[in-house]
Amino acid sequence: MTRKIYTIQIVPEGSNRARTYRINRNWVKVFGWLISLIAILLCVFIWKFAEINLQLAASWKLKTENEYLLKRHAEYEATFTQLDSIYVIETQIQNILQTYLEDDSGKVRSILDKNRFSHISSEQVRQDTDHETEYLRTRQDLENFPNMLPVMGVISRHYTDEHTGVDFAASMNEPVFATASGKVVFAGDKEDLGLVVEIDHGQGVSTRYAHLARFSIRKGDAVRKGSVIAFVGNTGNSNGAHLHYEVISNGKSLNPEKYF
């Protein structure tokens, strides 16, 4: 059998002698297959390396997106919590308005009495300034704490240093509610303020309701929180039907809007 051999001659420059190399054809095939295999493995390695890099880049992108989504989710949770609180308050207001439109003051007082403890503002219950009184979070303290709206109306004038109260625009003869339980210490005329009712709630806190059309209580009466004490009027120095409402602590006027 004839051996298949490749002969390779190499003649160095400047030399007359040639170097001869004989290589079996099978070794050439093996060498070729080896080079091909190395080339294939190198291509596979490069492809896998690129694929891993793409996956790493995608994972970092997903991690960033997940962190963003988690942050947005926390924001949505906080927003939904606020919306739930608003929904509860809205439902209570709708219930009050519906029963009020039915002209059933007993139902209105019942709803006010039932729900007045369900919303407690951190600024309404605990006061930490020099002129504000500390209250314990108990039913008895809340009963004597003025933290509800005195009338179904819209605020037309806010509290300032010159205007030491809040004005509510409301219809004539709209019922006025005691914002806390206490004892009536004044029910009469006070010139510019017109007909006025003042209630002492204890611990130096009192409330004042002015420009009334009339009142349904007398001095010395004990009143419960949410009970009707008077009706909106236009008496005294007034340009229209409204209620002037004040909260006073130890002789100093406070901003009533902090306690609604």
C-alpha atoms as a PDB file:
ATOM      1  CA  MET A   1       0.000   0.000   0.000  1.00  0.00           C
ATOM      2  CA  THR A   2       1.356   3.375  -1.017  1.00  0.00           C
ATOM      3  CA  ARG A   3       1.811   5.849   1.843  1.00  0.00           C
ATOM      4  CA  LYS A   4       0.382   9.260   1.130  1.00  0.00           C
ATOM      5  CA  ILE A   5       2.977  11.739   2.260  1.00  0.00           C
ATOM      6  CA  TYR A   6       3.190  15.479   1.809  1.00  0.00           C
ATOM      7  CA  THR A   7       6.680  16.832   1.211  1.00  0.00           C
ATOM      8  CA  ILE A   8       7.469  20.364   2.251  1.00  0.00           C
ATOM      9  CA  GLN A   9      10.745  22.016   1.252  1.00  0.00           C
ATOM     10  CA  ILE A  10      11.995  25.206   2.834  1.00  0.00           C
ATOM     11  CA  VAL A  11      14.936  27.059   1.261  1.00  0.00           C
ATOM     12  CA  PRO A  12      16.433  29.671   3.594  1.00  0.00           C
ATOM     13  CA  GLU A  13      17.350  32.980   1.934  1.00  0.00           C
ATOM     14  CA  GLY A  14      20.992  33.094   0.844  1.00  0.00           C
ATOM     15  CA  SER A  15      21.425  29.321   1.097  1.00  0.00           C
ATOM     16  CA  ASN A  16      21.575  26.620  -1.599  1.00  0.00           C
ATOM     17  CA  ARG A  17      20.481  23.856   0.721  1.00  0.00           C
ATOM     18  CA  ALA A  18      16.756  23.117   1.131  1.00  0.00           C
ATOM     19  CA  ARG A  19      15.190  21.740   4.232  1.00  0.00           C
ATOM     20  CA  THR A  20      12.799  18.947   3.484  1.00  0.00           C
ATOM     21  CA  TYR A  21       9.890  17.922   5.738  1.00  0.00           C
ATOM     22  CA  ARG A  22       7.682  14.922   5.077  1.00  0.00           C
ATOM     23  CA  ILE A  23       4.289  14.802   6.730  1.00  0.00           C
ATOM     24  CA  ASN A  24       1.871  11.949   6.579  1.00  0.00           C
ATOM     25  CA  ARG A  25      -1.465  12.960   5.074  1.00  0.00           C
ATOM     26  CA  ASN A  26      -3.368  11.524   8.051  1.00  0.00           C
ATOM     27  CA  TRP A  27      -1.515  13.871  10.411  1.00  0.00           C
ATOM     28  CA  VAL A  28      -2.488  16.776   8.187  1.00  0.00           C
ATOM     29  CA  LYS A  29      -6.130  15.729   8.469  1.00  0.00           C
ATOM     30  CA  VAL A  30      -5.854  15.379  12.229  1.00  0.00           C
ATOM     31  CA  PHE A  31      -4.246  18.808  12.475  1.00  0.00           C
ATOM     32  CA  GLY A  32      -6.977  20.301  10.263  1.00  0.00           C
ATOM     33  CA  TRP A  33      -9.735  18.738  12.327  1.00  0.00           C
ATOM     34  CA  LEU A  34      -8.037  19.971  15.500  1.00  0.00           C
ATOM     35  CA  ILE A  35      -7.847  23.530  14.183  1.00  0.00           C
ATOM     36  CA  SER A  36     -11.496  23.332  13.116  1.00  0.00           C
ATOM     37  CA  LEU A  37     -12.521  22.007  16.540  1.00  0.00           C
ATOM     38  CA  ILE A  38     -10.601  24.787  18.299  1.00  0.00           C
ATOM     39  CA  ALA A  39     -12.236  27.373  16.025  1.00  0.00           C
ATOM     40  CA  ILE A  40     -15.700  25.951  16.755  1.00  0.00           C
ATOM     41  CA  LEU A  41     -15.064  25.879  20.507  1.00  0.00           C
ATOM     42  CA  LEU A  42     -13.776  29.436  20.368  1.00  0.00           C
ATOM     43  CA  CYS A  43     -16.913  30.572  18.518  1.00  0.00           C
ATOM     44  CA  VAL A  44     -19.126  28.785  21.044  1.00  0.00           C
ATOM     45  CA  PHE A  45     -17.216  30.397  23.926  1.00  0.00           C
ATOM     46  CA  ILE A  46     -17.554  33.859  22.398  1.00  0.00           C
ATOM     47  CA  TRP A  47     -21.290  33.303  21.762  1.00  0.00           C
ATOM     48  CA  LYS A  48     -21.899  32.059  25.313  1.00  0.00           C
ATOM     49  CA  PHE A  49     -19.856  34.900  26.776  1.00  0.00           C
ATOM     50  CA  ALA A  50     -21.920  37.445  24.818  1.00  0.00           C
ATOM     51  CA  GLU A  51     -25.144  35.682  25.861  1.00  0.00           C
ATOM     52  CA  ILE A  52     -24.127  35.774  29.549  1.00  0.00           C
ATOM     53  CA  ASN A  53     -23.280  39.470  29.277  1.00  0.00           C
ATOM     54  CA  LEU A  54     -26.684  40.154  27.721  1.00  0.00           C
ATOM     55  CA  GLN A  55     -28.383  38.224  30.510  1.00  0.00           C
ATOM     56  CA  LEU A  56     -26.415  40.149  33.155  1.00  0.00           C
ATOM     57  CA  ALA A  57     -27.366  43.432  31.524  1.00  0.00           C
ATOM     58  CA  ALA A  58     -31.008  42.324  31.413  1.00  0.00           C
ATOM     59  CA  SER A  59     -30.886  41.234  35.067  1.00  0.00           C
ATOM     60  CA  TRP A  60     -29.484  44.616  36.163  1.00  0.00           C
ATOM     61  CA  LYS A  61     -32.210  46.315  34.148  1.00  0.00           C
ATOM     62  CA  LEU A  62     -34.859  44.101  35.769  1.00  0.00           C
ATOM     63  CA  LYS A  63     -33.414  44.811  39.219  1.00  0.00           C
ATOM     64  CA  THR A  64     -33.607  48.553  38.585  1.00  0.00           C
ATOM     65  CA  GLU A  65     -37.158  48.249  37.274  1.00  0.00           C
ATOM     66  CA  ASN A  66     -38.166  46.096  40.266  1.00  0.00           C
ATOM     67  CA  GLU A  67     -36.762  48.649  42.702  1.00  0.00           C
ATOM     68  CA  TYR A  68     -38.702  51.369  40.881  1.00  0.00           C
ATOM     69  CA  LEU A  69     -41.878  49.257  40.906  1.00  0.00           C
ATOM     70  CA  LEU A  70     -41.475  48.504  44.622  1.00  0.00           C
ATOM     71  CA  LYS A  71     -41.122  52.219  45.312  1.00  0.00           C
ATOM     72  CA  ARG A  72     -44.195  53.003  43.218  1.00  0.00           C
ATOM     73  CA  HIS A  73     -46.091  50.187  44.926  1.00  0.00           C
ATOM     74  CA  ALA A  74     -45.305  51.685  48.337  1.00  0.00           C
ATOM     75  CA  GLU A  75     -46.527  55.071  47.082  1.00  0.00           C
ATOM     76  CA  TYR A  76     -49.727  53.492  45.756  1.00  0.00           C
ATOM     77  CA  GLU A  77     -50.292  51.716  49.074  1.00  0.00           C
ATOM     78  CA  ALA A  78     -49.938  55.015  50.923  1.00  0.00           C
ATOM     79  CA  THR A  79     -52.293  56.718  48.444  1.00  0.00           C
ATOM     80  CA  PHE A  80     -54.866  53.936  48.732  1.00  0.00           C
ATOM     81  CA  THR A  81     -54.720  54.220  52.528  1.00  0.00           C
ATOM     82  CA  GLN A  82     -55.444  57.929  52.246  1.00  0.00           C
ATOM     83  CA  LEU A  83     -58.239  57.246  49.773  1.00  0.00           C
ATOM     84  CA  ASP A  84     -59.746  54.730  52.183  1.00  0.00           C
ATOM     85  CA  SER A  85     -59.745  57.358  54.921  1.00  0.00           C
ATOM     86  CA  ILE A  86     -61.297  59.898  52.563  1.00  0.00           C
ATOM     87  CA  TYR A  87     -63.918  57.335  51.509  1.00  0.00           C
ATOM     88  CA  VAL A  88     -64.860  56.676  55.137  1.00  0.00           C
ATOM     89  CA  ILE A  89     -65.178  60.392  55.850  1.00  0.00           C
ATOM     90  CA  GLU A  90     -67.147  60.931  52.616  1.00  0.00           C
ATOM     91  CA  THR A  91     -69.529  58.109  53.537  1.00  0.00           C
ATOM     92  CA  GLN A  92     -70.119  59.623  56.962  1.00  0.00           C
ATOM     93  CA  ILE A  93     -70.793  63.050  55.444  1.00  0.00           C
ATOM     94  CA  GLN A  94     -73.211  61.538  52.899  1.00  0.00           C
ATOM     95  CA  ASN A  95     -75.046  59.716  55.681  1.00  0.00           C
ATOM     96  CA  ILE A  96     -75.317  62.917  57.685  1.00  0.00           C
ATOM     97  CA  LEU A  97     -76.505  64.948  54.678  1.00  0.00           C
ATOM     98  CA  GLN A  98     -79.045  62.307  53.653  1.00  0.00           C
ATOM     99  CA  THR A  99     -80.587  62.131  57.101  1.00  0.00           C
ATOM    100  CA  TYR A 100     -80.451  65.907  57.421  1.00  0.00           C
ATOM    101  CA  LEU A 101     -82.312  66.313  54.139  1.00  0.00           C
ATOM    102  CA  GLU A 102     -84.943  64.000  55.621  1.00  0.00           C
ATOM    103  CA  ASP A 103     -85.351  66.685  58.302  1.00  0.00           C
ATOM    104  CA  ASP A 104     -84.631  64.186  61.054  1.00  0.00           C
ATOM    105  CA  SER A 105     -82.364  65.979  63.542  1.00  0.00           C
ATOM    106  CA  GLY A 106     -82.464  62.931  65.807  1.00  0.00           C
ATOM    107  CA  LYS A 107     -80.737  60.822  63.138  1.00  0.00           C
ATOM    108  CA  VAL A 108     -78.178  63.570  62.517  1.00  0.00           C
ATOM    109  CA  ARG A 109     -77.301  63.713  66.216  1.00  0.00           C
ATOM    110  CA  SER A 110     -77.169  59.918  66.346  1.00  0.00           C
ATOM    111  CA  ILE A 111     -74.693  59.733  63.445  1.00  0.00           C
ATOM    112  CA  LEU A 112     -72.565  62.518  64.919  1.00  0.00           C
ATOM    113  CA  ASP A 113     -72.578  60.791  68.294  1.00  0.00           C
ATOM    114  CA  LYS A 114     -71.640  57.441  66.681  1.00  0.00           C
ATOM    115  CA  ASN A 115     -68.801  58.693  64.479  1.00  0.00           C
ATOM    116  CA  ARG A 116     -67.176  61.451  66.465  1.00  0.00           C
ATOM    117  CA  PHE A 117     -64.639  59.023  67.945  1.00  0.00           C
ATOM    118  CA  SER A 118     -63.724  57.315  64.651  1.00  0.00           C
ATOM    119  CA  HIS A 119     -61.393  60.058  63.378  1.00  0.00           C
ATOM    120  CA  ILE A 120     -58.684  61.234  65.756  1.00  0.00           C
ATOM    121  CA  SER A 121     -56.164  63.726  64.437  1.00  0.00           C
ATOM    122  CA  SER A 122     -52.739  63.682  66.043  1.00  0.00           C
ATOM    123  CA  GLU A 123     -52.964  67.452  66.339  1.00  0.00           C
ATOM    124  CA  GLN A 124     -56.518  67.409  67.656  1.00  0.00           C
ATOM    125  CA  VAL A 125     -56.017  65.186  70.648  1.00  0.00           C
ATOM    126  CA  ARG A 126     -52.544  66.016  71.899  1.00  0.00           C
ATOM    127  CA  GLN A 127     -51.483  69.675  72.202  1.00  0.00           C
ATOM    128  CA  ASP A 128     -47.902  70.531  73.085  1.00  0.00           C
ATOM    129  CA  THR A 129     -47.774  74.332  72.892  1.00  0.00           C
ATOM    130  CA  ASP A 130     -47.782  76.672  75.892  1.00  0.00           C
ATOM    131  CA  HIS A 131     -51.424  77.696  75.597  1.00  0.00           C
ATOM    132  CA  GLU A 132     -52.926  74.316  74.586  1.00  0.00           C
ATOM    133  CA  THR A 133     -54.173  71.711  77.064  1.00  0.00           C
ATOM    134  CA  GLU A 134     -52.980  68.093  77.172  1.00  0.00           C
ATOM    135  CA  TYR A 135     -55.795  65.575  76.683  1.00  0.00           C
ATOM    136  CA  LEU A 136     -55.703  61.810  77.291  1.00  0.00           C
ATOM    137  CA  ARG A 137     -57.098  59.685  74.444  1.00  0.00           C
ATOM    138  CA  THR A 138     -60.166  58.438  76.280  1.00  0.00           C
ATOM    139  CA  ARG A 139     -63.847  58.643  75.474  1.00  0.00           C
ATOM    140  CA  GLN A 140     -64.420  61.035  78.357  1.00  0.00           C
ATOM    141  CA  ASP A 141     -61.725  63.442  77.123  1.00  0.00           C
ATOM    142  CA  LEU A 142     -63.015  63.259  73.538  1.00  0.00           C
ATOM    143  CA  GLU A 143     -66.533  63.940  74.798  1.00  0.00           C
ATOM    144  CA  ASN A 144     -65.292  67.283  76.129  1.00  0.00           C
ATOM    145  CA  PHE A 145     -62.880  67.973  73.275  1.00  0.00           C
ATOM    146  CA  PRO A 146     -64.156  70.326  70.486  1.00  0.00           C
ATOM    147  CA  ASN A 147     -63.050  68.362  67.405  1.00  0.00           C
ATOM    148  CA  MET A 148     -66.153  68.345  65.174  1.00  0.00           C
ATOM    149  CA  LEU A 149     -67.766  70.811  62.776  1.00  0.00           C
ATOM    150  CA  PRO A 150     -70.297  73.103  64.436  1.00  0.00           C
ATOM    151  CA  VAL A 151     -72.523  73.519  61.354  1.00  0.00           C
ATOM    152  CA  MET A 152     -73.215  72.184  57.854  1.00  0.00           C
ATOM    153  CA  GLY A 153     -71.573  74.995  55.917  1.00  0.00           C
ATOM    154  CA  VAL A 154     -68.552  76.226  53.996  1.00  0.00           C
ATOM    155  CA  ILE A 155     -65.680  78.144  55.581  1.00  0.00           C
ATOM    156  CA  SER A 156     -65.896  81.693  54.289  1.00  0.00           C
ATOM    157  CA  ARG A 157     -63.238  83.259  56.505  1.00  0.00           C
ATOM    158  CA  HIS A 158     -60.278  81.619  58.192  1.00  0.00           C
ATOM    159  CA  TYR A 159     -58.614  82.227  61.537  1.00  0.00           C
ATOM    160  CA  THR A 160     -56.070  85.064  61.769  1.00  0.00           C
ATOM    161  CA  ASP A 161     -54.553  87.139  64.556  1.00  0.00           C
ATOM    162  CA  GLU A 162     -57.165  89.806  63.837  1.00  0.00           C
ATOM    163  CA  HIS A 163     -60.061  87.405  63.233  1.00  0.00           C
ATOM    164  CA  THR A 164     -59.895  85.018  66.178  1.00  0.00           C
ATOM    165  CA  GLY A 165     -62.315  82.444  64.842  1.00  0.00           C
ATOM    166  CA  VAL A 166     -63.684  80.722  61.745  1.00  0.00           C
ATOM    167  CA  ASP A 167     -66.743  81.861  59.794  1.00  0.00           C
ATOM    168  CA  PHE A 168     -69.038  79.293  58.166  1.00  0.00           C
ATOM    169  CA  ALA A 169     -71.363  80.457  55.387  1.00  0.00           C
ATOM    170  CA  ALA A 170     -74.655  78.618  55.877  1.00  0.00           C
ATOM    171  CA  SER A 171     -78.374  79.021  55.286  1.00  0.00           C
ATOM    172  CA  MET A 172     -80.546  80.917  57.738  1.00  0.00           C
ATOM    173  CA  ASN A 173     -81.818  78.758  60.606  1.00  0.00           C
ATOM    174  CA  GLU A 174     -79.308  76.003  59.839  1.00  0.00           C
ATOM    175  CA  PRO A 175     -78.837  74.022  63.100  1.00  0.00           C
ATOM    176  CA  VAL A 176     -75.682  74.718  65.099  1.00  0.00           C
ATOM    177  CA  PHE A 177     -74.166  71.764  67.018  1.00  0.00           C
ATOM    178  CA  ALA A 178     -72.181  71.777  70.238  1.00  0.00           C
ATOM    179  CA  THR A 179     -68.693  70.642  69.241  1.00  0.00           C
ATOM    180  CA  ALA A 180     -68.113  69.155  72.701  1.00  0.00           C
ATOM    181  CA  SER A 181     -70.049  68.406  75.866  1.00  0.00           C
ATOM    182  CA  GLY A 182     -70.086  71.066  78.547  1.00  0.00           C
ATOM    183  CA  LYS A 183     -72.035  73.704  80.403  1.00  0.00           C
ATOM    184  CA  VAL A 184     -73.597  76.820  78.846  1.00  0.00           C
ATOM    185  CA  VAL A 185     -72.006  79.840  80.528  1.00  0.00           C
ATOM    186  CA  PHE A 186     -73.537  82.521  78.286  1.00  0.00           C
ATOM    187  CA  ALA A 187     -76.563  82.743  76.003  1.00  0.00           C
ATOM    188  CA  GLY A 188     -77.480  86.271  74.980  1.00  0.00           C
ATOM    189  CA  ASP A 189     -76.606  89.365  72.967  1.00  0.00           C
ATOM    190  CA  LYS A 190     -73.017  90.626  72.589  1.00  0.00           C
ATOM    191  CA  GLU A 191     -73.352  93.700  70.366  1.00  0.00           C
ATOM    192  CA  ASP A 192     -71.151  93.171  67.251  1.00  0.00           C
ATOM    193  CA  LEU A 193     -71.269  89.389  67.677  1.00  0.00           C
ATOM    194  CA  GLY A 194     -75.065  89.439  67.887  1.00  0.00           C
ATOM    195  CA  LEU A 195     -76.694  86.520  69.656  1.00  0.00           C
ATOM    196  CA  VAL A 196     -73.979  84.385  71.212  1.00  0.00           C
ATOM    197  CA  VAL A 197     -73.721  81.036  72.996  1.00  0.00           C
ATOM    198  CA  GLU A 198     -70.637  80.166  75.010  1.00  0.00           C
ATOM    199  CA  ILE A 199     -69.960  76.664  76.396  1.00  0.00           C
ATOM    200  CA  ASP A 200     -67.407  75.730  79.042  1.00  0.00           C
ATOM    201  CA  HIS A 201     -65.896  72.280  78.386  1.00  0.00           C
ATOM    202  CA  GLY A 202     -63.655  72.147  81.442  1.00  0.00           C
ATOM    203  CA  GLN A 203     -59.862  72.304  81.821  1.00  0.00           C
ATOM    204  CA  GLY A 204     -59.913  75.927  80.682  1.00  0.00           C
ATOM    205  CA  VAL A 205     -61.380  75.167  77.226  1.00  0.00           C
ATOM    206  CA  SER A 206     -64.528  76.854  75.913  1.00  0.00           C
ATOM    207  CA  THR A 207     -66.246  77.470  72.566  1.00  0.00           C
ATOM    208  CA  ARG A 208     -68.188  80.466  71.261  1.00  0.00           C
ATOM    209  CA  TYR A 209     -70.956  80.516  68.597  1.00  0.00           C
ATOM    210  CA  ALA A 210     -71.954  83.963  67.299  1.00  0.00           C
ATOM    211  CA  HIS A 211     -74.344  85.802  64.899  1.00  0.00           C
ATOM    212  CA  LEU A 212     -77.125  83.346  65.794  1.00  0.00           C
ATOM    213  CA  ALA A 213     -80.766  83.722  64.834  1.00  0.00           C
ATOM    214  CA  ARG A 214     -81.868  82.105  68.090  1.00  0.00           C
ATOM    215  CA  PHE A 215     -80.716  79.462  70.551  1.00  0.00           C
ATOM    216  CA  SER A 216     -82.455  76.437  72.016  1.00  0.00           C
ATOM    217  CA  ILE A 217     -80.610  76.339  75.359  1.00  0.00           C
ATOM    218  CA  ARG A 218     -80.201  78.612  78.373  1.00  0.00           C
ATOM    219  CA  LYS A 219     -77.342  79.656  80.620  1.00  0.00           C
ATOM    220  CA  GLY A 220     -76.556  76.856  83.054  1.00  0.00           C
ATOM    221  CA  ASP A 221     -77.769  74.053  80.784  1.00  0.00           C
ATOM    222  CA  ALA A 222     -75.599  70.987  80.342  1.00  0.00           C
ATOM    223  CA  VAL A 223     -75.245  70.084  76.657  1.00  0.00           C
ATOM    224  CA  ARG A 224     -73.960  66.958  74.952  1.00  0.00           C
ATOM    225  CA  LYS A 225     -71.544  66.842  72.051  1.00  0.00           C
ATOM    226  CA  GLY A 226     -73.455  66.935  68.753  1.00  0.00           C
ATOM    227  CA  SER A 227     -76.676  68.335  70.240  1.00  0.00           C
ATOM    228  CA  VAL A 228     -78.403  71.295  68.565  1.00  0.00           C
ATOM    229  CA  ILE A 229     -77.798  74.426  70.638  1.00  0.00           C
ATOM    230  CA  ALA A 230     -78.768  77.221  68.224  1.00  0.00           C
ATOM    231  CA  PHE A 231     -79.541  78.219  64.635  1.00  0.00           C
ATOM    232  CA  VAL A 232     -77.566  80.209  62.076  1.00  0.00           C
ATOM    233  CA  GLY A 233     -78.551  83.851  61.834  1.00  0.00           C
ATOM    234  CA  ASN A 234     -77.433  87.308  60.728  1.00  0.00           C
ATOM    235  CA  THR A 235     -77.419  89.223  64.002  1.00  0.00           C
ATOM    236  CA  GLY A 236     -74.860  91.775  65.189  1.00  0.00           C
ATOM    237  CA  ASN A 237     -72.259  93.162  62.805  1.00  0.00           C
ATOM    238  CA  SER A 238     -72.893  90.693  60.002  1.00  0.00           C
ATOM    239  CA  ASN A 239     -73.278  90.992  56.220  1.00  0.00           C
ATOM    240  CA  GLY A 240     -75.096  87.710  55.698  1.00  0.00           C
ATOM    241  CA  ALA A 241     -76.211  84.487  57.301  1.00  0.00           C
ATOM    242  CA  HIS A 242     -73.199  82.732  58.809  1.00  0.00           C
ATOM    243  CA  LEU A 243     -71.785  81.247  62.005  1.00  0.00           C
ATOM    244  CA  HIS A 244     -68.758  82.704  63.757  1.00  0.00           C
ATOM    245  CA  TYR A 245     -67.049  79.932  65.759  1.00  0.00           C
ATOM    246  CA  GLU A 246     -64.205  80.232  68.283  1.00  0.00           C
ATOM    247  CA  VAL A 247     -62.163  77.861  70.456  1.00  0.00           C
ATOM    248  CA  ILE A 248     -60.627  79.414  73.579  1.00  0.00           C
ATOM    249  CA  SER A 249     -58.081  77.842  75.948  1.00  0.00           C
ATOM    250  CA  ASN A 250     -57.258  79.601  79.232  1.00  0.00           C
ATOM    251  CA  GLY A 251     -58.331  82.938  77.765  1.00  0.00           C
ATOM    252  CA  LYS A 252     -56.336  82.571  74.535  1.00  0.00           C
ATOM    253  CA  SER A 253     -57.951  82.056  71.134  1.00  0.00           C
ATOM    254  CA  LEU A 254     -56.917  78.959  69.167  1.00  0.00           C
ATOM    255  CA  ASN A 255     -57.336  78.135  65.490  1.00  0.00           C
ATOM    256  CA  PRO A 256     -60.474  75.917  65.355  1.00  0.00           C
ATOM    257  CA  GLU A 257     -59.368  74.364  62.055  1.00  0.00           C
ATOM    258  CA  LYS A 258     -56.673  72.416  63.938  1.00  0.00           C
ATOM    259  CA  TYR A 259     -59.380  70.439  65.706  1.00  0.00           C
ATOM    260  CA  PHE A 260     -61.898  69.534  62.963  1.00  0.00           C
END
